[in-house]
Every structure is written in C-alpha cells, then in structure tokens.
C-alpha cells in the first residue's frame, strides 16, 4: 500500500467553535489508535480534496 502524507495542525477548539475553522477552509479531524491517545487536528480542505482526487475515493 502506498503511503500518503497530509499536513495537519493541532486543533484545540471543540464543539461549536469548530465552525470558525470550517469557514476558514479547514476540516476538523481526529487521529486515534489502540495504544495512542486521540489527537484533534485541522486539515486543509483544499489539500484534502487534492489528495482524494489524486489517490481515489475508496480505500
């Protein structure tokens, strides 16, 4: 499987405050795993759309 990199920034906002980020062109995201604490992030909407277009919509 090909590795894909996507730049993200740490997100401190939660709940209704997330809407301000969405209006600025950011997507709220959460990364979590079995032995890893959940991490809230911001991802650029434009970068995400480019990634989906380049790599496809299904896993």
PDB file of N, CA and C in Angstrom:
ATOM      1  N   UNK A   1       0.838  -1.170   0.000  1.00  0.00           N
ATOM      2  CA  UNK A   1       0.000   0.000   0.000  1.00  0.00           C
ATOM      3  C   UNK A   1       0.892   1.246   0.000  1.00  0.00           C
ATOM      4  N   UNK A   2       0.555   2.218  -0.812  1.00  0.00           N
ATOM      5  CA  UNK A   2       1.323   3.448  -0.943  1.00  0.00           C
ATOM      6  C   UNK A   2       1.041   4.380   0.237  1.00  0.00           C
ATOM      7  N   UNK A   3       2.118   4.952   0.801  1.00  0.00           N
ATOM      8  CA  UNK A   3       1.958   5.909   1.897  1.00  0.00           C
ATOM      9  C   UNK A   3       1.655   7.286   1.322  1.00  0.00           C
ATOM     10  N   UNK A   4       0.737   7.976   1.968  1.00  0.00           N
ATOM     11  CA  UNK A   4       0.330   9.315   1.545  1.00  0.00           C
ATOM     12  C   UNK A   4       0.514  10.256   2.729  1.00  0.00           C
ATOM     13  N   UNK A   5       1.130  11.402   2.487  1.00  0.00           N
ATOM     14  CA  UNK A   5       1.324  12.394   3.545  1.00  0.00           C
ATOM     15  C   UNK A   5       0.301  13.511   3.397  1.00  0.00           C
ATOM     16  N   UNK A   6      -0.228  13.924   4.529  1.00  0.00           N
ATOM     17  CA  UNK A   6      -1.191  15.017   4.570  1.00  0.00           C
ATOM     18  C   UNK A   6      -0.813  15.913   5.741  1.00  0.00           C
ATOM     19  N   UNK A   7      -0.526  17.171   5.461  1.00  0.00           N
ATOM     20  CA  UNK A   7      -0.118  18.100   6.507  1.00  0.00           C
ATOM     21  C   UNK A   7      -1.314  18.459   7.391  1.00  0.00           C
ATOM     22  N   UNK A   8      -1.071  18.493   8.700  1.00  0.00           N
ATOM     23  CA  UNK A   8      -2.136  18.811   9.658  1.00  0.00           C
ATOM     24  C   UNK A   8      -1.575  19.671  10.786  1.00  0.00           C
ATOM     25  N   UNK A   9      -2.470  20.411  11.448  1.00  0.00           N
ATOM     26  CA  UNK A   9      -2.092  21.248  12.585  1.00  0.00           C
ATOM     27  C   UNK A   9      -2.931  20.835  13.788  1.00  0.00           C
ATOM     28  N   UNK A  10      -2.361  20.956  14.967  1.00  0.00           N
ATOM     29  CA  UNK A  10      -3.072  20.628  16.200  1.00  0.00           C
ATOM     30  C   UNK A  10      -4.278  21.545  16.381  1.00  0.00           C
ATOM     31  N   UNK A  11      -5.392  20.949  16.806  1.00  0.00           N
ATOM     32  CA  UNK A  11      -6.636  21.704  16.999  1.00  0.00           C
ATOM     33  C   UNK A  11      -7.018  21.664  18.473  1.00  0.00           C
ATOM     34  N   UNK A  12      -7.253  22.835  19.046  1.00  0.00           N
ATOM     35  CA  UNK A  12      -7.678  22.930  20.443  1.00  0.00           C
ATOM     36  C   UNK A  12      -9.177  23.164  20.569  1.00  0.00           C
ATOM     37  N   UNK A  13      -9.800  23.721  19.515  1.00  0.00           N
ATOM     38  CA  UNK A  13     -11.234  24.024  19.541  1.00  0.00           C
ATOM     39  C   UNK A  13     -12.068  22.742  19.501  1.00  0.00           C
ATOM     40  N   UNK A  14     -13.205  22.803  20.174  1.00  0.00           N
ATOM     41  CA  UNK A  14     -14.145  21.676  20.168  1.00  0.00           C
ATOM     42  C   UNK A  14     -15.564  22.211  20.107  1.00  0.00           C
ATOM     43  N   UNK A  15     -16.497  21.350  19.772  1.00  0.00           N
ATOM     44  CA  UNK A  15     -17.901  21.740  19.753  1.00  0.00           C
ATOM     45  C   UNK A  15     -18.216  22.779  18.697  1.00  0.00           C
ATOM     46  N   UNK A  16     -19.040  23.750  19.048  1.00  0.00           N
ATOM     47  CA  UNK A  16     -19.498  24.774  18.099  1.00  0.00           C
ATOM     48  C   UNK A  16     -18.357  25.663  17.606  1.00  0.00           C
ATOM     49  N   UNK A  17     -17.276  25.776  18.352  1.00  0.00           N
ATOM     50  CA  UNK A  17     -16.137  26.609  17.951  1.00  0.00           C
ATOM     51  C   UNK A  17     -15.446  26.076  16.694  1.00  0.00           C
ATOM     52  N   UNK A  18     -15.673  24.823  16.371  1.00  0.00           N
ATOM     53  CA  UNK A  18     -15.067  24.202  15.192  1.00  0.00           C
ATOM     54  C   UNK A  18     -15.585  24.852  13.910  1.00  0.00           C
ATOM     55  N   UNK A  19     -16.786  25.413  13.947  1.00  0.00           N
ATOM     56  CA  UNK A  19     -17.372  26.038  12.754  1.00  0.00           C
ATOM     57  C   UNK A  19     -16.526  27.188  12.213  1.00  0.00           C
ATOM     58  N   UNK A  20     -15.833  27.910  13.071  1.00  0.00           N
ATOM     59  CA  UNK A  20     -14.968  29.005  12.614  1.00  0.00           C
ATOM     60  C   UNK A  20     -13.849  28.463  11.731  1.00  0.00           C
ATOM     61  N   UNK A  21     -13.304  27.332  12.090  1.00  0.00           N
ATOM     62  CA  UNK A  21     -12.266  26.699  11.281  1.00  0.00           C
ATOM     63  C   UNK A  21     -12.803  26.240   9.944  1.00  0.00           C
ATOM     64  N   UNK A  22     -13.995  25.678   9.951  1.00  0.00           N
ATOM     65  CA  UNK A  22     -14.629  25.240   8.700  1.00  0.00           C
ATOM     66  C   UNK A  22     -14.838  26.417   7.757  1.00  0.00           C
ATOM     67  N   UNK A  23     -15.254  27.549   8.295  1.00  0.00           N
ATOM     68  CA  UNK A  23     -15.462  28.749   7.484  1.00  0.00           C
ATOM     69  C   UNK A  23     -14.141  29.268   6.919  1.00  0.00           C
ATOM     70  N   UNK A  24     -13.032  28.917   7.555  1.00  0.00           N
ATOM     71  CA  UNK A  24     -11.705  29.334   7.094  1.00  0.00           C
ATOM     72  C   UNK A  24     -11.093  28.336   6.121  1.00  0.00           C
ATOM     73  N   UNK A  25     -11.842  27.292   5.749  1.00  0.00           N
ATOM     74  CA  UNK A  25     -11.340  26.313   4.793  1.00  0.00           C
ATOM     75  C   UNK A  25     -10.574  25.164   5.423  1.00  0.00           C
ATOM     76  N   UNK A  26     -10.905  24.840   6.668  1.00  0.00           N
ATOM     77  CA  UNK A  26     -10.237  23.740   7.354  1.00  0.00           C
ATOM     78  C   UNK A  26     -11.237  22.639   7.696  1.00  0.00           C
ATOM     79  N   UNK A  27     -10.738  21.415   7.762  1.00  0.00           N
ATOM     80  CA  UNK A  27     -11.562  20.263   8.130  1.00  0.00           C
ATOM     81  C   UNK A  27     -11.106  19.786   9.507  1.00  0.00           C
ATOM     82  N   UNK A  28     -12.025  19.659  10.473  1.00  0.00           N
ATOM     83  CA  UNK A  28     -11.636  19.101  11.766  1.00  0.00           C
ATOM     84  C   UNK A  28     -11.465  17.588  11.632  1.00  0.00           C
ATOM     85  N   UNK A  29     -10.404  17.066  12.229  1.00  0.00           N
ATOM     86  CA  UNK A  29     -10.129  15.629  12.140  1.00  0.00           C
ATOM     87  C   UNK A  29      -9.647  15.125  13.495  1.00  0.00           C
ATOM     88  N   UNK A  30      -9.755  13.815  13.700  1.00  0.00           N
ATOM     89  CA  UNK A  30      -9.252  13.179  14.916  1.00  0.00           C
ATOM     90  C   UNK A  30      -8.484  11.935  14.506  1.00  0.00           C
ATOM     91  N   UNK A  31      -7.280  11.781  15.069  1.00  0.00           N
ATOM     92  CA  UNK A  31      -6.474  10.586  14.835  1.00  0.00           C
ATOM     93  C   UNK A  31      -6.420   9.829  16.153  1.00  0.00           C
ATOM     94  N   UNK A  32      -6.690   8.536  16.101  1.00  0.00           N
ATOM     95  CA  UNK A  32      -6.646   7.734  17.309  1.00  0.00           C
ATOM     96  C   UNK A  32      -6.249   6.311  16.952  1.00  0.00           C
ATOM     97  N   UNK A  33      -5.806   5.581  17.942  1.00  0.00           N
ATOM     98  CA  UNK A  33      -5.391   4.202  17.717  1.00  0.00           C
ATOM     99  C   UNK A  33      -5.507   3.400  18.998  1.00  0.00           C
ATOM    100  N   UNK A  34      -5.133   2.133  18.904  1.00  0.00           N
ATOM    101  CA  UNK A  34      -5.285   1.212  20.017  1.00  0.00           C
ATOM    102  C   UNK A  34      -4.494   1.656  21.252  1.00  0.00           C
ATOM    103  N   UNK A  35      -3.230   2.000  21.073  1.00  0.00           N
ATOM    104  CA  UNK A  35      -2.392   2.388  22.209  1.00  0.00           C
ATOM    105  C   UNK A  35      -1.962   3.849  22.123  1.00  0.00           C
ATOM    106  N   UNK A  36      -2.760   4.671  21.437  1.00  0.00           N
ATOM    107  CA  UNK A  36      -2.408   6.071  21.219  1.00  0.00           C
ATOM    108  C   UNK A  36      -3.570   6.955  21.677  1.00  0.00           C
ATOM    109  N   UNK A  37      -3.243   8.023  22.376  1.00  0.00           N
ATOM    110  CA  UNK A  37      -4.280   8.972  22.799  1.00  0.00           C
ATOM    111  C   UNK A  37      -4.833   9.710  21.582  1.00  0.00           C
ATOM    112  N   UNK A  38      -6.107  10.026  21.600  1.00  0.00           N
ATOM    113  CA  UNK A  38      -6.742  10.746  20.490  1.00  0.00           C
ATOM    114  C   UNK A  38      -6.122  12.132  20.350  1.00  0.00           C
ATOM    115  N   UNK A  39      -5.947  12.569  19.103  1.00  0.00           N
ATOM    116  CA  UNK A  39      -5.348  13.879  18.812  1.00  0.00           C
ATOM    117  C   UNK A  39      -6.262  14.612  17.847  1.00  0.00           C
ATOM    118  N   UNK A  40      -6.712  15.817  18.227  1.00  0.00           N
ATOM    119  CA  UNK A  40      -7.576  16.641  17.377  1.00  0.00           C
ATOM    120  C   UNK A  40      -6.709  17.479  16.446  1.00  0.00           C
ATOM    121  N   UNK A  41      -7.070  17.502  15.155  1.00  0.00           N
ATOM    122  CA  UNK A  41      -6.271  18.175  14.138  1.00  0.00           C
ATOM    123  C   UNK A  41      -7.120  19.015  13.202  1.00  0.00           C
ATOM    124  N   UNK A  42      -6.461  19.936  12.490  1.00  0.00           N
ATOM    125  CA  UNK A  42      -7.051  20.675  11.378  1.00  0.00           C
ATOM    126  C   UNK A  42      -6.356  20.202  10.114  1.00  0.00           C
ATOM    127  N   UNK A  43      -7.127  19.975   9.053  1.00  0.00           N
ATOM    128  CA  UNK A  43      -6.588  19.615   7.742  1.00  0.00           C
ATOM    129  C   UNK A  43      -7.142  20.609   6.731  1.00  0.00           C
ATOM    130  N   UNK A  44      -6.292  21.058   5.823  1.00  0.00           N
ATOM    131  CA  UNK A  44      -6.723  21.989   4.780  1.00  0.00           C
ATOM    132  C   UNK A  44      -7.737  21.305   3.860  1.00  0.00           C
ATOM    133  N   UNK A  45      -8.877  21.938   3.635  1.00  0.00           N
ATOM    134  CA  UNK A  45      -9.897  21.391   2.736  1.00  0.00           C
ATOM    135  C   UNK A  45      -9.338  21.237   1.329  1.00  0.00           C
ATOM    136  N   UNK A  46      -8.597  22.218   0.867  1.00  0.00           N
ATOM    137  CA  UNK A  46      -8.018  22.179  -0.473  1.00  0.00           C
ATOM    138  C   UNK A  46      -7.032  21.021  -0.615  1.00  0.00           C
ATOM    139  N   UNK A  47      -6.138  20.841   0.365  1.00  0.00           N
ATOM    140  CA  UNK A  47      -5.185  19.733   0.322  1.00  0.00           C
ATOM    141  C   UNK A  47      -5.906  18.388   0.352  1.00  0.00           C
ATOM    142  N   UNK A  48      -6.967  18.287   1.164  1.00  0.00           N
ATOM    143  CA  UNK A  48      -7.710  17.036   1.265  1.00  0.00           C
ATOM    144  C   UNK A  48      -8.394  16.694  -0.059  1.00  0.00           C
ATOM    145  N   UNK A  49      -8.991  17.689  -0.705  1.00  0.00           N
ATOM    146  CA  UNK A  49      -9.642  17.455  -1.996  1.00  0.00           C
ATOM    147  C   UNK A  49      -8.630  17.016  -3.046  1.00  0.00           C
ATOM    148  N   UNK A  50      -7.448  17.633  -3.038  1.00  0.00           N
ATOM    149  CA  UNK A  50      -6.388  17.235  -3.977  1.00  0.00           C
ATOM    150  C   UNK A  50      -5.956  15.796  -3.728  1.00  0.00           C
ATOM    151  N   UNK A  51      -5.819  15.422  -2.456  1.00  0.00           N
ATOM    152  CA  UNK A  51      -5.415  14.069  -2.102  1.00  0.00           C
ATOM    153  C   UNK A  51      -6.446  13.051  -2.574  1.00  0.00           C
ATOM    154  N   UNK A  52      -7.718  13.316  -2.352  1.00  0.00           N
ATOM    155  CA  UNK A  52      -8.784  12.407  -2.777  1.00  0.00           C
ATOM    156  C   UNK A  52      -8.804  12.283  -4.296  1.00  0.00           C
ATOM    157  N   UNK A  53      -8.639  13.392  -4.990  1.00  0.00           N
ATOM    158  CA  UNK A  53      -8.644  13.371  -6.448  1.00  0.00           C
ATOM    159  C   UNK A  53      -7.471  12.551  -6.985  1.00  0.00           C
ATOM    160  N   UNK A  54      -6.319  12.691  -6.342  1.00  0.00           N
ATOM    161  CA  UNK A  54      -5.111  12.008  -6.797  1.00  0.00           C
ATOM    162  C   UNK A  54      -5.134  10.511  -6.478  1.00  0.00           C
ATOM    163  N   UNK A  55      -5.575  10.149  -5.275  1.00  0.00           N
ATOM    164  CA  UNK A  55      -5.482   8.759  -4.836  1.00  0.00           C
ATOM    165  C   UNK A  55      -6.780   7.967  -4.947  1.00  0.00           C
ATOM    166  N   UNK A  56      -7.901   8.611  -5.204  1.00  0.00           N
ATOM    167  CA  UNK A  56      -9.168   7.899  -5.327  1.00  0.00           C
ATOM    168  C   UNK A  56     -10.014   8.037  -4.084  1.00  0.00           C
ATOM    169  N   UNK A  57     -11.280   7.717  -4.210  1.00  0.00           N
ATOM    170  CA  UNK A  57     -12.222   7.909  -3.110  1.00  0.00           C
ATOM    171  C   UNK A  57     -12.376   6.701  -2.206  1.00  0.00           C
ATOM    172  N   UNK A  58     -12.043   5.506  -2.669  1.00  0.00           N
ATOM    173  CA  UNK A  58     -12.226   4.325  -1.834  1.00  0.00           C
ATOM    174  C   UNK A  58     -10.884   3.800  -1.342  1.00  0.00           C
ATOM    175  N   UNK A  59     -10.936   3.090  -0.238  1.00  0.00           N
ATOM    176  CA  UNK A  59      -9.700   2.570   0.358  1.00  0.00           C
ATOM    177  C   UNK A  59      -9.246   1.311  -0.326  1.00  0.00           C
TER     178      UNK A  59
END
